[in-house]
């Protein structure tokens, strides 16, 4: 074999090795759930918020809580308002690989449009810079929200929408008590899963 033939042979072997390496990298990314466009892990879809969060989690195949135990580190806990969630998000480490954040908040603050919704959304965007953002409309018609109107709820979530957060429909809605696995959670979970396809 002369020198020219050896160079051609080594070039062909090099191209084959490069091609195989590329195929293996692409397969690995698909298996790991990595989204090549935003650099996120498609398995990391987190629901954050208040006591309704576990029921949304239970009814979604693609979104879950960061941790089943509520607390600041998990970004959800029963009885908490938007200001608590904002503080928890502020303390959370930057996570560039999170694919989506589903915000479930507002019920415990009485859907007060004067809450720092802008601050919460800004903090979520800062801590999860590549994530898609969604919000689930909370519940009313019970406890301190017994006389809340749907129009007040809609006005509250319109602020989220204006800040680039996609609103999941339907709302948890007017219920006697949101703290059980109501049929509405199945509809919400299904809508979340469709959005995450």
C-alpha atoms as a PDB file:
ATOM      1  CA  UNK A   1       0.000   0.000   0.000  1.00  0.00           C
ATOM      2  CA  UNK A   2       1.517   3.312  -1.016  1.00  0.00           C
ATOM      3  CA  UNK A   3       1.458   6.554   0.959  1.00  0.00           C
ATOM      4  CA  UNK A   4      -1.569   8.029  -0.861  1.00  0.00           C
ATOM      5  CA  UNK A   5      -3.626   4.901  -0.245  1.00  0.00           C
ATOM      6  CA  UNK A   6      -2.720   4.975   3.464  1.00  0.00           C
ATOM      7  CA  UNK A   7      -3.813   8.636   3.757  1.00  0.00           C
ATOM      8  CA  UNK A   8      -7.123   7.847   2.049  1.00  0.00           C
ATOM      9  CA  UNK A   9      -7.670   4.830   4.314  1.00  0.00           C
ATOM     10  CA  UNK A  10      -6.936   6.813   7.497  1.00  0.00           C
ATOM     11  CA  UNK A  11      -9.251   9.608   6.298  1.00  0.00           C
ATOM     12  CA  UNK A  12     -12.095   7.147   5.723  1.00  0.00           C
ATOM     13  CA  UNK A  13     -11.562   5.532   9.150  1.00  0.00           C
ATOM     14  CA  UNK A  14     -11.553   9.010  10.748  1.00  0.00           C
ATOM     15  CA  UNK A  15     -14.831   9.979   9.077  1.00  0.00           C
ATOM     16  CA  UNK A  16     -16.452   6.686  10.155  1.00  0.00           C
ATOM     17  CA  UNK A  17     -15.330   7.183  13.786  1.00  0.00           C
ATOM     18  CA  UNK A  18     -16.593  10.788  13.787  1.00  0.00           C
ATOM     19  CA  UNK A  19     -19.948   9.657  12.362  1.00  0.00           C
ATOM     20  CA  UNK A  20     -20.366   6.908  14.964  1.00  0.00           C
ATOM     21  CA  UNK A  21     -19.473   9.314  17.760  1.00  0.00           C
ATOM     22  CA  UNK A  22     -22.121  11.786  16.555  1.00  0.00           C
ATOM     23  CA  UNK A  23     -24.782   9.041  16.445  1.00  0.00           C
ATOM     24  CA  UNK A  24     -23.940   7.915  19.982  1.00  0.00           C
ATOM     25  CA  UNK A  25     -24.090  11.475  21.351  1.00  0.00           C
ATOM     26  CA  UNK A  26     -27.499  12.094  19.739  1.00  0.00           C
ATOM     27  CA  UNK A  27     -28.856   8.800  21.124  1.00  0.00           C
ATOM     28  CA  UNK A  28     -27.550   9.618  24.598  1.00  0.00           C
ATOM     29  CA  UNK A  29     -29.247  13.030  24.554  1.00  0.00           C
ATOM     30  CA  UNK A  30     -32.552  11.486  23.512  1.00  0.00           C
ATOM     31  CA  UNK A  31     -32.345   8.849  26.246  1.00  0.00           C
ATOM     32  CA  UNK A  32     -31.458  11.384  28.917  1.00  0.00           C
ATOM     33  CA  UNK A  33     -34.419  13.589  27.954  1.00  0.00           C
ATOM     34  CA  UNK A  34     -32.233  16.548  27.026  1.00  0.00           C
ATOM     35  CA  UNK A  35     -33.922  19.175  24.911  1.00  0.00           C
ATOM     36  CA  UNK A  36     -31.311  20.348  22.441  1.00  0.00           C
ATOM     37  CA  UNK A  37     -32.952  23.727  21.727  1.00  0.00           C
ATOM     38  CA  UNK A  38     -33.085  25.111  25.261  1.00  0.00           C
ATOM     39  CA  UNK A  39     -30.558  22.829  26.963  1.00  0.00           C
ATOM     40  CA  UNK A  40     -33.171  21.497  29.389  1.00  0.00           C
ATOM     41  CA  UNK A  41     -34.014  18.055  30.700  1.00  0.00           C
ATOM     42  CA  UNK A  42     -37.547  17.229  29.506  1.00  0.00           C
ATOM     43  CA  UNK A  43     -38.069  15.172  32.680  1.00  0.00           C
ATOM     44  CA  UNK A  44     -37.647  18.239  34.924  1.00  0.00           C
ATOM     45  CA  UNK A  45     -41.127  19.774  34.996  1.00  0.00           C
ATOM     46  CA  UNK A  46     -41.805  21.100  38.485  1.00  0.00           C
ATOM     47  CA  UNK A  47     -45.030  22.213  40.162  1.00  0.00           C
ATOM     48  CA  UNK A  48     -44.528  24.883  42.828  1.00  0.00           C
ATOM     49  CA  UNK A  49     -46.978  26.621  45.140  1.00  0.00           C
ATOM     50  CA  UNK A  50     -49.458  25.819  47.880  1.00  0.00           C
ATOM     51  CA  UNK A  51     -51.486  22.884  49.293  1.00  0.00           C
ATOM     52  CA  UNK A  52     -53.147  22.124  45.948  1.00  0.00           C
ATOM     53  CA  UNK A  53     -49.757  21.271  44.441  1.00  0.00           C
ATOM     54  CA  UNK A  54     -49.780  17.566  45.492  1.00  0.00           C
ATOM     55  CA  UNK A  55     -53.130  17.013  43.762  1.00  0.00           C
ATOM     56  CA  UNK A  56     -51.882  18.538  40.528  1.00  0.00           C
ATOM     57  CA  UNK A  57     -48.766  16.358  40.857  1.00  0.00           C
ATOM     58  CA  UNK A  58     -50.859  13.230  41.395  1.00  0.00           C
ATOM     59  CA  UNK A  59     -52.790  13.872  38.185  1.00  0.00           C
ATOM     60  CA  UNK A  60     -49.928  14.721  35.833  1.00  0.00           C
ATOM     61  CA  UNK A  61     -47.666  12.148  34.230  1.00  0.00           C
ATOM     62  CA  UNK A  62     -45.062  14.713  33.177  1.00  0.00           C
ATOM     63  CA  UNK A  63     -44.944  17.269  36.008  1.00  0.00           C
ATOM     64  CA  UNK A  64     -44.114  16.679  39.655  1.00  0.00           C
ATOM     65  CA  UNK A  65     -43.062  18.386  42.849  1.00  0.00           C
ATOM     66  CA  UNK A  66     -39.353  18.915  43.461  1.00  0.00           C
ATOM     67  CA  UNK A  67     -39.844  16.905  46.645  1.00  0.00           C
ATOM     68  CA  UNK A  68     -42.936  15.294  48.132  1.00  0.00           C
ATOM     69  CA  UNK A  69     -42.201  16.896  51.497  1.00  0.00           C
ATOM     70  CA  UNK A  70     -43.359  20.504  51.502  1.00  0.00           C
ATOM     71  CA  UNK A  71     -41.007  23.329  52.460  1.00  0.00           C
ATOM     72  CA  UNK A  72     -38.884  26.137  51.073  1.00  0.00           C
ATOM     73  CA  UNK A  73     -36.430  23.719  49.437  1.00  0.00           C
ATOM     74  CA  UNK A  74     -39.336  22.035  47.633  1.00  0.00           C
ATOM     75  CA  UNK A  75     -40.943  25.336  46.598  1.00  0.00           C
ATOM     76  CA  UNK A  76     -44.367  24.263  47.835  1.00  0.00           C
ATOM     77  CA  UNK A  77     -46.174  24.144  51.159  1.00  0.00           C
ATOM     78  CA  UNK A  78     -49.766  24.233  52.320  1.00  0.00           C
ATOM     79  CA  UNK A  79     -51.263  27.493  53.527  1.00  0.00           C
ATOM     80  CA  UNK A  80     -48.622  29.669  51.875  1.00  0.00           C
ATOM     81  CA  UNK A  81     -49.072  32.814  49.827  1.00  0.00           C
ATOM     82  CA  UNK A  82     -47.259  34.387  46.900  1.00  0.00           C
ATOM     83  CA  UNK A  83     -44.824  36.302  49.131  1.00  0.00           C
ATOM     84  CA  UNK A  84     -43.685  33.041  50.762  1.00  0.00           C
ATOM     85  CA  UNK A  85     -43.235  31.384  47.366  1.00  0.00           C
ATOM     86  CA  UNK A  86     -41.257  34.353  46.050  1.00  0.00           C
ATOM     87  CA  UNK A  87     -38.956  34.165  49.075  1.00  0.00           C
ATOM     88  CA  UNK A  88     -38.473  30.404  48.566  1.00  0.00           C
ATOM     89  CA  UNK A  89     -37.692  30.877  44.865  1.00  0.00           C
ATOM     90  CA  UNK A  90     -35.274  33.717  45.694  1.00  0.00           C
ATOM     91  CA  UNK A  91     -33.307  31.275  47.888  1.00  0.00           C
ATOM     92  CA  UNK A  92     -33.331  28.463  45.319  1.00  0.00           C
ATOM     93  CA  UNK A  93     -30.193  27.788  43.243  1.00  0.00           C
ATOM     94  CA  UNK A  94     -30.143  28.665  39.543  1.00  0.00           C
ATOM     95  CA  UNK A  95     -31.219  25.576  37.595  1.00  0.00           C
ATOM     96  CA  UNK A  96     -30.689  25.997  33.863  1.00  0.00           C
ATOM     97  CA  UNK A  97     -31.729  22.425  32.994  1.00  0.00           C
ATOM     98  CA  UNK A  98     -35.325  22.677  34.277  1.00  0.00           C
ATOM     99  CA  UNK A  99     -37.760  22.289  31.369  1.00  0.00           C
ATOM    100  CA  UNK A 100     -40.867  23.886  32.898  1.00  0.00           C
ATOM    101  CA  UNK A 101     -42.281  25.426  36.059  1.00  0.00           C
ATOM    102  CA  UNK A 102     -45.987  25.193  36.838  1.00  0.00           C
ATOM    103  CA  UNK A 103     -46.990  27.859  39.372  1.00  0.00           C
ATOM    104  CA  UNK A 104     -49.940  27.095  41.635  1.00  0.00           C
ATOM    105  CA  UNK A 105     -50.431  30.120  43.891  1.00  0.00           C
ATOM    106  CA  UNK A 106     -53.006  32.807  44.709  1.00  0.00           C
ATOM    107  CA  UNK A 107     -55.629  30.999  46.745  1.00  0.00           C
ATOM    108  CA  UNK A 108     -54.149  31.779  50.187  1.00  0.00           C
ATOM    109  CA  UNK A 109     -53.652  35.450  49.323  1.00  0.00           C
ATOM    110  CA  UNK A 110     -57.257  35.861  48.223  1.00  0.00           C
ATOM    111  CA  UNK A 111     -56.172  36.498  44.610  1.00  0.00           C
ATOM    112  CA  UNK A 112     -54.919  39.939  45.585  1.00  0.00           C
ATOM    113  CA  UNK A 113     -53.714  41.653  42.409  1.00  0.00           C
ATOM    114  CA  UNK A 114     -51.514  43.937  44.531  1.00  0.00           C
ATOM    115  CA  UNK A 115     -49.256  41.020  45.479  1.00  0.00           C
ATOM    116  CA  UNK A 116     -45.786  41.097  43.920  1.00  0.00           C
ATOM    117  CA  UNK A 117     -46.678  38.866  40.973  1.00  0.00           C
ATOM    118  CA  UNK A 118     -44.075  40.621  38.830  1.00  0.00           C
ATOM    119  CA  UNK A 119     -41.426  39.904  41.474  1.00  0.00           C
ATOM    120  CA  UNK A 120     -42.365  36.213  41.661  1.00  0.00           C
ATOM    121  CA  UNK A 121     -42.314  35.749  37.888  1.00  0.00           C
ATOM    122  CA  UNK A 122     -39.002  37.623  37.614  1.00  0.00           C
ATOM    123  CA  UNK A 123     -37.480  35.415  40.317  1.00  0.00           C
ATOM    124  CA  UNK A 124     -38.749  32.229  38.635  1.00  0.00           C
ATOM    125  CA  UNK A 125     -37.279  33.399  35.314  1.00  0.00           C
ATOM    126  CA  UNK A 126     -33.957  34.169  37.017  1.00  0.00           C
ATOM    127  CA  UNK A 127     -33.707  30.810  38.815  1.00  0.00           C
ATOM    128  CA  UNK A 128     -35.055  28.722  35.914  1.00  0.00           C
ATOM    129  CA  UNK A 129     -33.836  30.729  32.904  1.00  0.00           C
ATOM    130  CA  UNK A 130     -34.601  28.105  30.242  1.00  0.00           C
ATOM    131  CA  UNK A 131     -37.923  26.872  31.622  1.00  0.00           C
ATOM    132  CA  UNK A 132     -41.354  27.240  30.072  1.00  0.00           C
ATOM    133  CA  UNK A 133     -43.680  28.932  32.599  1.00  0.00           C
ATOM    134  CA  UNK A 134     -47.263  27.966  33.318  1.00  0.00           C
ATOM    135  CA  UNK A 135     -49.781  28.849  36.041  1.00  0.00           C
ATOM    136  CA  UNK A 136     -52.782  26.935  37.352  1.00  0.00           C
ATOM    137  CA  UNK A 137     -55.704  29.063  38.528  1.00  0.00           C
ATOM    138  CA  UNK A 138     -56.452  28.292  42.165  1.00  0.00           C
ATOM    139  CA  UNK A 139     -59.648  27.561  44.074  1.00  0.00           C
ATOM    140  CA  UNK A 140     -62.305  29.733  45.647  1.00  0.00           C
ATOM    141  CA  UNK A 141     -65.757  29.322  47.196  1.00  0.00           C
ATOM    142  CA  UNK A 142     -64.452  27.999  50.533  1.00  0.00           C
ATOM    143  CA  UNK A 143     -62.852  29.364  53.732  1.00  0.00           C
ATOM    144  CA  UNK A 144     -61.592  32.937  53.429  1.00  0.00           C
ATOM    145  CA  UNK A 145     -62.280  32.841  49.680  1.00  0.00           C
ATOM    146  CA  UNK A 146     -65.948  32.002  50.032  1.00  0.00           C
ATOM    147  CA  UNK A 147     -67.084  35.226  48.366  1.00  0.00           C
ATOM    148  CA  UNK A 148     -64.319  35.583  45.776  1.00  0.00           C
ATOM    149  CA  UNK A 149     -65.648  35.983  42.231  1.00  0.00           C
ATOM    150  CA  UNK A 150     -64.342  34.305  39.121  1.00  0.00           C
ATOM    151  CA  UNK A 151     -63.716  37.727  37.562  1.00  0.00           C
ATOM    152  CA  UNK A 152     -61.364  38.598  40.444  1.00  0.00           C
ATOM    153  CA  UNK A 153     -59.519  35.313  39.919  1.00  0.00           C
ATOM    154  CA  UNK A 154     -59.237  35.946  36.172  1.00  0.00           C
ATOM    155  CA  UNK A 155     -57.887  39.472  36.759  1.00  0.00           C
ATOM    156  CA  UNK A 156     -55.229  38.007  39.083  1.00  0.00           C
ATOM    157  CA  UNK A 157     -54.013  35.462  36.532  1.00  0.00           C
ATOM    158  CA  UNK A 158     -54.179  37.995  33.696  1.00  0.00           C
ATOM    159  CA  UNK A 159     -51.184  39.628  35.377  1.00  0.00           C
ATOM    160  CA  UNK A 160     -49.252  36.351  35.095  1.00  0.00           C
ATOM    161  CA  UNK A 161     -50.304  36.085  31.454  1.00  0.00           C
ATOM    162  CA  UNK A 162     -49.118  39.640  30.740  1.00  0.00           C
ATOM    163  CA  UNK A 163     -45.722  38.627  32.172  1.00  0.00           C
ATOM    164  CA  UNK A 164     -45.377  35.733  29.713  1.00  0.00           C
ATOM    165  CA  UNK A 165     -46.766  32.905  31.852  1.00  0.00           C
ATOM    166  CA  UNK A 166     -49.140  30.559  30.018  1.00  0.00           C
ATOM    167  CA  UNK A 167     -52.342  29.897  31.972  1.00  0.00           C
ATOM    168  CA  UNK A 168     -53.546  26.300  32.247  1.00  0.00           C
ATOM    169  CA  UNK A 169     -57.302  25.859  31.844  1.00  0.00           C
ATOM    170  CA  UNK A 170     -59.525  24.909  33.553  1.00  0.00           C
ATOM    171  CA  UNK A 171     -59.118  26.546  36.967  1.00  0.00           C
ATOM    172  CA  UNK A 172     -59.356  24.425  40.102  1.00  0.00           C
ATOM    173  CA  UNK A 173     -62.408  26.642  40.514  1.00  0.00           C
ATOM    174  CA  UNK A 174     -65.234  27.184  42.935  1.00  0.00           C
ATOM    175  CA  UNK A 175     -65.212  24.191  45.254  1.00  0.00           C
ATOM    176  CA  UNK A 176     -66.224  23.349  48.825  1.00  0.00           C
ATOM    177  CA  UNK A 177     -62.725  22.102  49.657  1.00  0.00           C
ATOM    178  CA  UNK A 178     -59.763  21.691  47.273  1.00  0.00           C
ATOM    179  CA  UNK A 179     -57.871  19.335  49.590  1.00  0.00           C
ATOM    180  CA  UNK A 180     -58.899  16.020  48.071  1.00  0.00           C
ATOM    181  CA  UNK A 181     -58.351  14.423  44.693  1.00  0.00           C
ATOM    182  CA  UNK A 182     -61.199  16.215  42.921  1.00  0.00           C
ATOM    183  CA  UNK A 183     -62.050  15.305  39.295  1.00  0.00           C
ATOM    184  CA  UNK A 184     -60.917  18.792  38.188  1.00  0.00           C
ATOM    185  CA  UNK A 185     -57.315  17.886  39.029  1.00  0.00           C
ATOM    186  CA  UNK A 186     -57.415  15.129  36.424  1.00  0.00           C
ATOM    187  CA  UNK A 187     -58.431  17.675  33.768  1.00  0.00           C
ATOM    188  CA  UNK A 188     -55.686  20.059  34.876  1.00  0.00           C
ATOM    189  CA  UNK A 189     -53.073  17.283  34.883  1.00  0.00           C
ATOM    190  CA  UNK A 190     -54.138  16.242  31.398  1.00  0.00           C
ATOM    191  CA  UNK A 191     -53.807  19.828  30.123  1.00  0.00           C
ATOM    192  CA  UNK A 192     -50.341  20.153  31.661  1.00  0.00           C
ATOM    193  CA  UNK A 193     -49.252  16.900  30.014  1.00  0.00           C
ATOM    194  CA  UNK A 194     -50.506  18.122  26.615  1.00  0.00           C
ATOM    195  CA  UNK A 195     -48.525  21.348  26.989  1.00  0.00           C
ATOM    196  CA  UNK A 196     -45.370  19.375  27.828  1.00  0.00           C
ATOM    197  CA  UNK A 197     -45.519  17.114  24.745  1.00  0.00           C
END
